[in-house]
Amino acid sequence: MPDLCSILAAAAAATGIPYMAGFTSGGVAAGSVAAATQSAIGNVAAGSAFSYLQSAGAATVLGTAGAPVIGAAGAAYYYWFC
């Protein structure tokens, strides 16, 4: 069974990393790494890594504004207590 530190680290990564790359609840952010990647690959294939990151960004629990908060809180807890 995973411990609390592992769960928080996974939550921080799952919310913060896609957001920082430009995957937001409103779609791919203009001028971001995600936008450049999407421009380079063209049509996004279902089941691809890009599509999974896009879904993760769109389904962030607290929306775009909450992603960095969740990511920072999880990372801080992991840093101080794990």
PDB file of N, CA and C in Angstrom:
ATOM      1  N   MET A   1       0.849  -1.181   0.000  1.00  0.00           N
ATOM      2  CA  MET A   1       0.000   0.000   0.000  1.00  0.00           C
ATOM      3  C   MET A   1       0.891   1.240   0.000  1.00  0.00           C
ATOM      4  N   PRO A   2       0.603   2.224  -0.879  1.00  0.00           N
ATOM      5  CA  PRO A   2       1.441   3.420  -0.930  1.00  0.00           C
ATOM      6  C   PRO A   2       1.288   4.269   0.335  1.00  0.00           C
ATOM      7  N   ASP A   3       2.369   4.902   0.712  1.00  0.00           N
ATOM      8  CA  ASP A   3       2.315   5.776   1.875  1.00  0.00           C
ATOM      9  C   ASP A   3       1.866   7.182   1.457  1.00  0.00           C
ATOM     10  N   LEU A   4       1.614   8.031   2.441  1.00  0.00           N
ATOM     11  CA  LEU A   4       1.117   9.382   2.183  1.00  0.00           C
ATOM     12  C   LEU A   4       2.088  10.184   1.334  1.00  0.00           C
ATOM     13  N   CYS A   5       3.379  10.016   1.558  1.00  0.00           N
ATOM     14  CA  CYS A   5       4.376  10.760   0.788  1.00  0.00           C
ATOM     15  C   CYS A   5       4.309  10.407  -0.694  1.00  0.00           C
ATOM     16  N   SER A   6       4.141   9.151  -1.010  1.00  0.00           N
ATOM     17  CA  SER A   6       4.046   8.723  -2.401  1.00  0.00           C
ATOM     18  C   SER A   6       2.788   9.278  -3.059  1.00  0.00           C
ATOM     19  N   ILE A   7       1.697   9.273  -2.334  1.00  0.00           N
ATOM     20  CA  ILE A   7       0.429   9.792  -2.869  1.00  0.00           C
ATOM     21  C   ILE A   7       0.546  11.287  -3.136  1.00  0.00           C
ATOM     22  N   LEU A   8       1.118  12.038  -2.199  1.00  0.00           N
ATOM     23  CA  LEU A   8       1.252  13.479  -2.388  1.00  0.00           C
ATOM     24  C   LEU A   8       2.223  13.827  -3.510  1.00  0.00           C
ATOM     25  N   ALA A   9       3.286  13.079  -3.630  1.00  0.00           N
ATOM     26  CA  ALA A   9       4.229  13.326  -4.720  1.00  0.00           C
ATOM     27  C   ALA A   9       3.559  13.069  -6.067  1.00  0.00           C
ATOM     28  N   ALA A  10       2.768  12.013  -6.151  1.00  0.00           N
ATOM     29  CA  ALA A  10       2.047  11.711  -7.393  1.00  0.00           C
ATOM     30  C   ALA A  10       1.016  12.789  -7.697  1.00  0.00           C
ATOM     31  N   ALA A  11       0.313  13.273  -6.685  1.00  0.00           N
ATOM     32  CA  ALA A  11      -0.679  14.335  -6.893  1.00  0.00           C
ATOM     33  C   ALA A  11      -0.013  15.626  -7.344  1.00  0.00           C
ATOM     34  N   ALA A  12       1.132  15.935  -6.757  1.00  0.00           N
ATOM     35  CA  ALA A  12       1.853  17.143  -7.159  1.00  0.00           C
ATOM     36  C   ALA A  12       2.294  17.049  -8.608  1.00  0.00           C
ATOM     37  N   ALA A  13       2.807  15.909  -8.996  1.00  0.00           N
ATOM     38  CA  ALA A  13       3.259  15.726 -10.375  1.00  0.00           C
ATOM     39  C   ALA A  13       2.089  15.715 -11.345  1.00  0.00           C
ATOM     40  N   ALA A  14       1.007  15.047 -10.966  1.00  0.00           N
ATOM     41  CA  ALA A  14      -0.141  14.916 -11.865  1.00  0.00           C
ATOM     42  C   ALA A  14      -0.840  16.238 -12.116  1.00  0.00           C
ATOM     43  N   THR A  15      -0.775  17.163 -11.183  1.00  0.00           N
ATOM     44  CA  THR A  15      -1.446  18.449 -11.378  1.00  0.00           C
ATOM     45  C   THR A  15      -0.497  19.546 -11.814  1.00  0.00           C
ATOM     46  N   GLY A  16       0.652  19.619 -11.206  1.00  0.00           N
ATOM     47  CA  GLY A  16       1.563  20.735 -11.484  1.00  0.00           C
ATOM     48  C   GLY A  16       2.293  20.643 -12.808  1.00  0.00           C
ATOM     49  N   ILE A  17       2.775  19.468 -13.164  1.00  0.00           N
ATOM     50  CA  ILE A  17       3.595  19.324 -14.371  1.00  0.00           C
ATOM     51  C   ILE A  17       2.806  19.599 -15.647  1.00  0.00           C
ATOM     52  N   PRO A  18       1.621  19.013 -15.841  1.00  0.00           N
ATOM     53  CA  PRO A  18       0.883  19.361 -17.062  1.00  0.00           C
ATOM     54  C   PRO A  18       0.552  20.859 -17.147  1.00  0.00           C
ATOM     55  N   TYR A  19       0.195  21.455 -16.014  1.00  0.00           N
ATOM     56  CA  TYR A  19      -0.124  22.887 -16.002  1.00  0.00           C
ATOM     57  C   TYR A  19       1.084  23.727 -16.410  1.00  0.00           C
ATOM     58  N   MET A  20       2.241  23.412 -15.854  1.00  0.00           N
ATOM     59  CA  MET A  20       3.448  24.188 -16.180  1.00  0.00           C
ATOM     60  C   MET A  20       3.849  24.032 -17.645  1.00  0.00           C
ATOM     61  N   ALA A  21       3.511  22.903 -18.250  1.00  0.00           N
ATOM     62  CA  ALA A  21       3.829  22.682 -19.660  1.00  0.00           C
ATOM     63  C   ALA A  21       2.827  23.366 -20.580  1.00  0.00           C
ATOM     64  N   GLY A  22       1.685  23.816 -20.039  1.00  0.00           N
ATOM     65  CA  GLY A  22       0.695  24.519 -20.845  1.00  0.00           C
ATOM     66  C   GLY A  22      -0.602  23.783 -21.058  1.00  0.00           C
ATOM     67  N   PHE A  23      -0.806  22.671 -20.350  1.00  0.00           N
ATOM     68  CA  PHE A  23      -2.070  21.941 -20.437  1.00  0.00           C
ATOM     69  C   PHE A  23      -2.986  22.480 -19.346  1.00  0.00           C
ATOM     70  N   THR A  24      -3.975  23.291 -19.724  1.00  0.00           N
ATOM     71  CA  THR A  24      -4.847  23.938 -18.748  1.00  0.00           C
ATOM     72  C   THR A  24      -6.275  23.440 -18.891  1.00  0.00           C
ATOM     73  N   SER A  25      -7.132  23.838 -17.945  1.00  0.00           N
ATOM     74  CA  SER A  25      -8.537  23.426 -18.012  1.00  0.00           C
ATOM     75  C   SER A  25      -9.251  24.083 -19.191  1.00  0.00           C
ATOM     76  N   GLY A  26      -8.680  25.129 -19.738  1.00  0.00           N
ATOM     77  CA  GLY A  26      -9.244  25.794 -20.905  1.00  0.00           C
ATOM     78  C   GLY A  26      -8.647  25.310 -22.216  1.00  0.00           C
ATOM     79  N   GLY A  27      -7.792  24.315 -22.165  1.00  0.00           N
ATOM     80  CA  GLY A  27      -7.131  23.795 -23.361  1.00  0.00           C
ATOM     81  C   GLY A  27      -5.641  24.086 -23.321  1.00  0.00           C
ATOM     82  N   VAL A  28      -5.000  23.948 -24.458  1.00  0.00           N
ATOM     83  CA  VAL A  28      -3.562  24.185 -24.546  1.00  0.00           C
ATOM     84  C   VAL A  28      -3.311  25.694 -24.541  1.00  0.00           C
ATOM     85  N   ALA A  29      -2.438  26.159 -23.653  1.00  0.00           N
ATOM     86  CA  ALA A  29      -2.141  27.581 -23.527  1.00  0.00           C
ATOM     87  C   ALA A  29      -1.264  28.058 -24.683  1.00  0.00           C
ATOM     88  N   ALA A  30      -1.629  29.186 -25.252  1.00  0.00           N
ATOM     89  CA  ALA A  30      -0.861  29.760 -26.356  1.00  0.00           C
ATOM     90  C   ALA A  30       0.551  30.103 -25.893  1.00  0.00           C
ATOM     91  N   GLY A  31       1.535  29.826 -26.741  1.00  0.00           N
ATOM     92  CA  GLY A  31       2.921  30.148 -26.440  1.00  0.00           C
ATOM     93  C   GLY A  31       3.606  29.201 -25.468  1.00  0.00           C
ATOM     94  N   SER A  32       2.955  28.121 -25.111  1.00  0.00           N
ATOM     95  CA  SER A  32       3.525  27.184 -24.138  1.00  0.00           C
ATOM     96  C   SER A  32       4.270  26.049 -24.831  1.00  0.00           C
ATOM     97  N   VAL A  33       4.946  25.245 -24.020  1.00  0.00           N
ATOM     98  CA  VAL A  33       5.614  24.047 -24.534  1.00  0.00           C
ATOM     99  C   VAL A  33       4.577  23.121 -25.164  1.00  0.00           C
ATOM    100  N   ALA A  34       3.412  23.021 -24.546  1.00  0.00           N
ATOM    101  CA  ALA A  34       2.349  22.166 -25.092  1.00  0.00           C
ATOM    102  C   ALA A  34       1.903  22.663 -26.466  1.00  0.00           C
ATOM    103  N   ALA A  35       1.792  23.971 -26.633  1.00  0.00           N
ATOM    104  CA  ALA A  35       1.381  24.532 -27.923  1.00  0.00           C
ATOM    105  C   ALA A  35       2.430  24.265 -28.997  1.00  0.00           C
ATOM    106  N   ALA A  36       3.687  24.409 -28.648  1.00  0.00           N
ATOM    107  CA  ALA A  36       4.766  24.138 -29.604  1.00  0.00           C
ATOM    108  C   ALA A  36       4.787  22.664 -29.995  1.00  0.00           C
ATOM    109  N   THR A  37       4.550  21.801 -29.009  1.00  0.00           N
ATOM    110  CA  THR A  37       4.528  20.367 -29.283  1.00  0.00           C
ATOM    111  C   THR A  37       3.357  20.010 -30.184  1.00  0.00           C
ATOM    112  N   GLN A  38       2.190  20.563 -29.880  1.00  0.00           N
ATOM    113  CA  GLN A  38       1.014  20.279 -30.690  1.00  0.00           C
ATOM    114  C   GLN A  38       1.206  20.781 -32.119  1.00  0.00           C
ATOM    115  N   SER A  39       1.838  21.923 -32.268  1.00  0.00           N
ATOM    116  CA  SER A  39       2.119  22.462 -33.596  1.00  0.00           C
ATOM    117  C   SER A  39       3.061  21.543 -34.369  1.00  0.00           C
ATOM    118  N   ALA A  40       4.019  20.974 -33.670  1.00  0.00           N
ATOM    119  CA  ALA A  40       5.005  20.103 -34.324  1.00  0.00           C
ATOM    120  C   ALA A  40       4.421  18.746 -34.721  1.00  0.00           C
ATOM    121  N   ILE A  41       3.513  18.199 -33.883  1.00  0.00           N
ATOM    122  CA  ILE A  41       2.993  16.863 -34.189  1.00  0.00           C
ATOM    123  C   ILE A  41       1.737  16.893 -35.049  1.00  0.00           C
ATOM    124  N   GLY A  42       1.077  18.032 -35.147  1.00  0.00           N
ATOM    125  CA  GLY A  42      -0.144  18.122 -35.957  1.00  0.00           C
ATOM    126  C   GLY A  42      -1.322  17.491 -35.250  1.00  0.00           C
ATOM    127  N   ASN A  43      -2.032  16.613 -35.954  1.00  0.00           N
ATOM    128  CA  ASN A  43      -3.201  15.957 -35.358  1.00  0.00           C
ATOM    129  C   ASN A  43      -2.771  15.068 -34.198  1.00  0.00           C
ATOM    130  N   VAL A  44      -3.448  15.229 -33.080  1.00  0.00           N
ATOM    131  CA  VAL A  44      -3.123  14.457 -31.882  1.00  0.00           C
ATOM    132  C   VAL A  44      -3.867  13.122 -31.931  1.00  0.00           C
ATOM    133  N   ALA A  45      -3.123  12.048 -31.841  1.00  0.00           N
ATOM    134  CA  ALA A  45      -3.713  10.705 -31.875  1.00  0.00           C
ATOM    135  C   ALA A  45      -4.325  10.352 -30.524  1.00  0.00           C
ATOM    136  N   ALA A  46      -5.483   9.725 -30.561  1.00  0.00           N
ATOM    137  CA  ALA A  46      -6.113   9.251 -29.330  1.00  0.00           C
ATOM    138  C   ALA A  46      -5.197   8.224 -28.671  1.00  0.00           C
ATOM    139  N   GLY A  47      -5.069   8.332 -27.362  1.00  0.00           N
ATOM    140  CA  GLY A  47      -4.237   7.388 -26.624  1.00  0.00           C
ATOM    141  C   GLY A  47      -2.764   7.759 -26.575  1.00  0.00           C
ATOM    142  N   SER A  48      -2.388   8.880 -27.191  1.00  0.00           N
ATOM    143  CA  SER A  48      -0.986   9.298 -27.168  1.00  0.00           C
ATOM    144  C   SER A  48      -0.659   9.986 -25.844  1.00  0.00           C
ATOM    145  N   ALA A  49       0.622  10.143 -25.570  1.00  0.00           N
ATOM    146  CA  ALA A  49       1.042  10.835 -24.345  1.00  0.00           C
ATOM    147  C   ALA A  49       0.495  12.253 -24.320  1.00  0.00           C
ATOM    148  N   PHE A  50       0.494  12.908 -25.482  1.00  0.00           N
ATOM    149  CA  PHE A  50      -0.029  14.278 -25.554  1.00  0.00           C
ATOM    150  C   PHE A  50      -1.511  14.306 -25.164  1.00  0.00           C
ATOM    151  N   SER A  51      -2.276  13.351 -25.658  1.00  0.00           N
ATOM    152  CA  SER A  51      -3.715  13.335 -25.345  1.00  0.00           C
ATOM    153  C   SER A  51      -3.957  13.072 -23.861  1.00  0.00           C
ATOM    154  N   TYR A  52      -3.128  12.232 -23.245  1.00  0.00           N
ATOM    155  CA  TYR A  52      -3.265  11.991 -21.805  1.00  0.00           C
ATOM    156  C   TYR A  52      -2.943  13.249 -21.004  1.00  0.00           C
ATOM    157  N   LEU A  53      -1.900  13.965 -21.389  1.00  0.00           N
ATOM    158  CA  LEU A  53      -1.558  15.207 -20.690  1.00  0.00           C
ATOM    159  C   LEU A  53      -2.635  16.265 -20.891  1.00  0.00           C
ATOM    160  N   GLN A  54      -3.204  16.308 -22.079  1.00  0.00           N
ATOM    161  CA  GLN A  54      -4.281  17.247 -22.361  1.00  0.00           C
ATOM    162  C   GLN A  54      -5.498  16.934 -21.478  1.00  0.00           C
ATOM    163  N   SER A  55      -5.810  15.668 -21.334  1.00  0.00           N
ATOM    164  CA  SER A  55      -6.919  15.267 -20.464  1.00  0.00           C
ATOM    165  C   SER A  55      -6.625  15.593 -19.003  1.00  0.00           C
ATOM    166  N   ALA A  56      -5.398  15.370 -18.578  1.00  0.00           N
ATOM    167  CA  ALA A  56      -5.021  15.670 -17.191  1.00  0.00           C
ATOM    168  C   ALA A  56      -5.138  17.160 -16.913  1.00  0.00           C
ATOM    169  N   GLY A  57      -4.712  17.987 -17.859  1.00  0.00           N
ATOM    170  CA  GLY A  57      -4.824  19.430 -17.685  1.00  0.00           C
ATOM    171  C   GLY A  57      -6.265  19.887 -17.647  1.00  0.00           C
ATOM    172  N   ALA A  58      -7.107  19.291 -18.476  1.00  0.00           N
ATOM    173  CA  ALA A  58      -8.517  19.673 -18.539  1.00  0.00           C
ATOM    174  C   ALA A  58      -9.303  19.197 -17.325  1.00  0.00           C
ATOM    175  N   ALA A  59      -8.861  18.115 -16.716  1.00  0.00           N
ATOM    176  CA  ALA A  59      -9.606  17.520 -15.606  1.00  0.00           C
ATOM    177  C   ALA A  59      -9.014  17.838 -14.245  1.00  0.00           C
ATOM    178  N   THR A  60      -8.169  18.856 -14.161  1.00  0.00           N
ATOM    179  CA  THR A  60      -7.572  19.216 -12.879  1.00  0.00           C
ATOM    180  C   THR A  60      -8.674  19.495 -11.868  1.00  0.00           C
ATOM    181  N   VAL A  61      -8.536  18.951 -10.691  1.00  0.00           N
ATOM    182  CA  VAL A  61      -9.581  18.986  -9.669  1.00  0.00           C
ATOM    183  C   VAL A  61     -10.086  20.400  -9.392  1.00  0.00           C
ATOM    184  N   LEU A  62      -9.211  21.351  -9.212  1.00  0.00           N
ATOM    185  CA  LEU A  62      -9.630  22.716  -8.892  1.00  0.00           C
ATOM    186  C   LEU A  62      -9.512  23.665 -10.078  1.00  0.00           C
ATOM    187  N   GLY A  63      -9.370  23.147 -11.273  1.00  0.00           N
ATOM    188  CA  GLY A  63      -9.242  23.996 -12.441  1.00  0.00           C
ATOM    189  C   GLY A  63      -7.831  24.532 -12.579  1.00  0.00           C
ATOM    190  N   THR A  64      -7.654  25.394 -13.529  1.00  0.00           N
ATOM    191  CA  THR A  64      -6.330  25.918 -13.847  1.00  0.00           C
ATOM    192  C   THR A  64      -5.691  26.640 -12.671  1.00  0.00           C
ATOM    193  N   ALA A  65      -6.461  27.417 -11.946  1.00  0.00           N
ATOM    194  CA  ALA A  65      -5.900  28.176 -10.823  1.00  0.00           C
ATOM    195  C   ALA A  65      -5.466  27.262  -9.684  1.00  0.00           C
ATOM    196  N   GLY A  66      -6.116  26.114  -9.539  1.00  0.00           N
ATOM    197  CA  GLY A  66      -5.788  25.220  -8.439  1.00  0.00           C
ATOM    198  C   GLY A  66      -4.598  24.327  -8.688  1.00  0.00           C
ATOM    199  N   ALA A  67      -4.231  24.121  -9.948  1.00  0.00           N
ATOM    200  CA  ALA A  67      -3.141  23.190 -10.273  1.00  0.00           C
ATOM    201  C   ALA A  67      -1.824  23.567  -9.615  1.00  0.00           C
ATOM    202  N   PRO A  68      -1.379  24.832  -9.727  1.00  0.00           N
ATOM    203  CA  PRO A  68      -0.100  25.147  -9.071  1.00  0.00           C
ATOM    204  C   PRO A  68      -0.188  25.083  -7.554  1.00  0.00           C
ATOM    205  N   VAL A  69      -1.357  25.341  -6.995  1.00  0.00           N
ATOM    206  CA  VAL A  69      -1.523  25.275  -5.540  1.00  0.00           C
ATOM    207  C   VAL A  69      -1.392  23.835  -5.065  1.00  0.00           C
ATOM    208  N   ILE A  70      -2.079  22.923  -5.748  1.00  0.00           N
ATOM    209  CA  ILE A  70      -1.997  21.503  -5.380  1.00  0.00           C
ATOM    210  C   ILE A  70      -0.568  20.997  -5.565  1.00  0.00           C
ATOM    211  N   GLY A  71       0.039  21.356  -6.685  1.00  0.00           N
ATOM    212  CA  GLY A  71       1.406  20.922  -6.955  1.00  0.00           C
ATOM    213  C   GLY A  71       2.387  21.440  -5.916  1.00  0.00           C
ATOM    214  N   ALA A  72       2.273  22.718  -5.573  1.00  0.00           N
ATOM    215  CA  ALA A  72       3.180  23.304  -4.584  1.00  0.00           C
ATOM    216  C   ALA A  72       2.953  22.717  -3.196  1.00  0.00           C
ATOM    217  N   ALA A  73       1.702  22.501  -2.826  1.00  0.00           N
ATOM    218  CA  ALA A  73       1.409  21.930  -1.512  1.00  0.00           C
ATOM    219  C   ALA A  73       1.943  20.510  -1.396  1.00  0.00           C
ATOM    220  N   GLY A  74       1.739  19.717  -2.430  1.00  0.00           N
ATOM    221  CA  GLY A  74       2.252  18.347  -2.411  1.00  0.00           C
ATOM    222  C   GLY A  74       3.769  18.309  -2.374  1.00  0.00           C
ATOM    223  N   ALA A  75       4.401  19.174  -3.173  1.00  0.00           N
ATOM    224  CA  ALA A  75       5.862  19.220  -3.195  1.00  0.00           C
ATOM    225  C   ALA A  75       6.424  19.702  -1.859  1.00  0.00           C
ATOM    226  N   ALA A  76       5.797  20.704  -1.252  1.00  0.00           N
ATOM    227  CA  ALA A  76       6.263  21.221   0.038  1.00  0.00           C
ATOM    228  C   ALA A  76       6.129  20.163   1.132  1.00  0.00           C
ATOM    229  N   TYR A  77       4.988  19.482   1.148  1.00  0.00           N
ATOM    230  CA  TYR A  77       4.811  18.421   2.150  1.00  0.00           C
ATOM    231  C   TYR A  77       5.875  17.350   1.963  1.00  0.00           C
ATOM    232  N   TYR A  78       6.083  16.947   0.730  1.00  0.00           N
ATOM    233  CA  TYR A  78       7.075  15.909   0.439  1.00  0.00           C
ATOM    234  C   TYR A  78       8.473  16.365   0.875  1.00  0.00           C
ATOM    235  N   TYR A  79       8.813  17.611   0.594  1.00  0.00           N
ATOM    236  CA  TYR A  79      10.134  18.145   0.940  1.00  0.00           C
ATOM    237  C   TYR A  79      10.339  18.167   2.460  1.00  0.00           C
ATOM    238  N   TRP A  80       9.347  18.625   3.189  1.00  0.00           N
ATOM    239  CA  TRP A  80       9.515  18.799   4.633  1.00  0.00           C
ATOM    240  C   TRP A  80       9.294  17.553   5.444  1.00  0.00           C
ATOM    241  N   PHE A  81       8.432  16.653   4.989  1.00  0.00           N
ATOM    242  CA  PHE A  81       8.035  15.531   5.855  1.00  0.00           C
ATOM    243  C   PHE A  81       8.408  14.150   5.346  1.00  0.00           C
ATOM    244  N   CYS A  82       8.897  14.039   4.133  1.00  0.00           N
ATOM    245  CA  CYS A  82       9.154  12.694   3.597  1.00  0.00           C
ATOM    246  C   CYS A  82      10.639  12.406   3.474  1.00  0.00           C
TER     247      CYS A  82
END
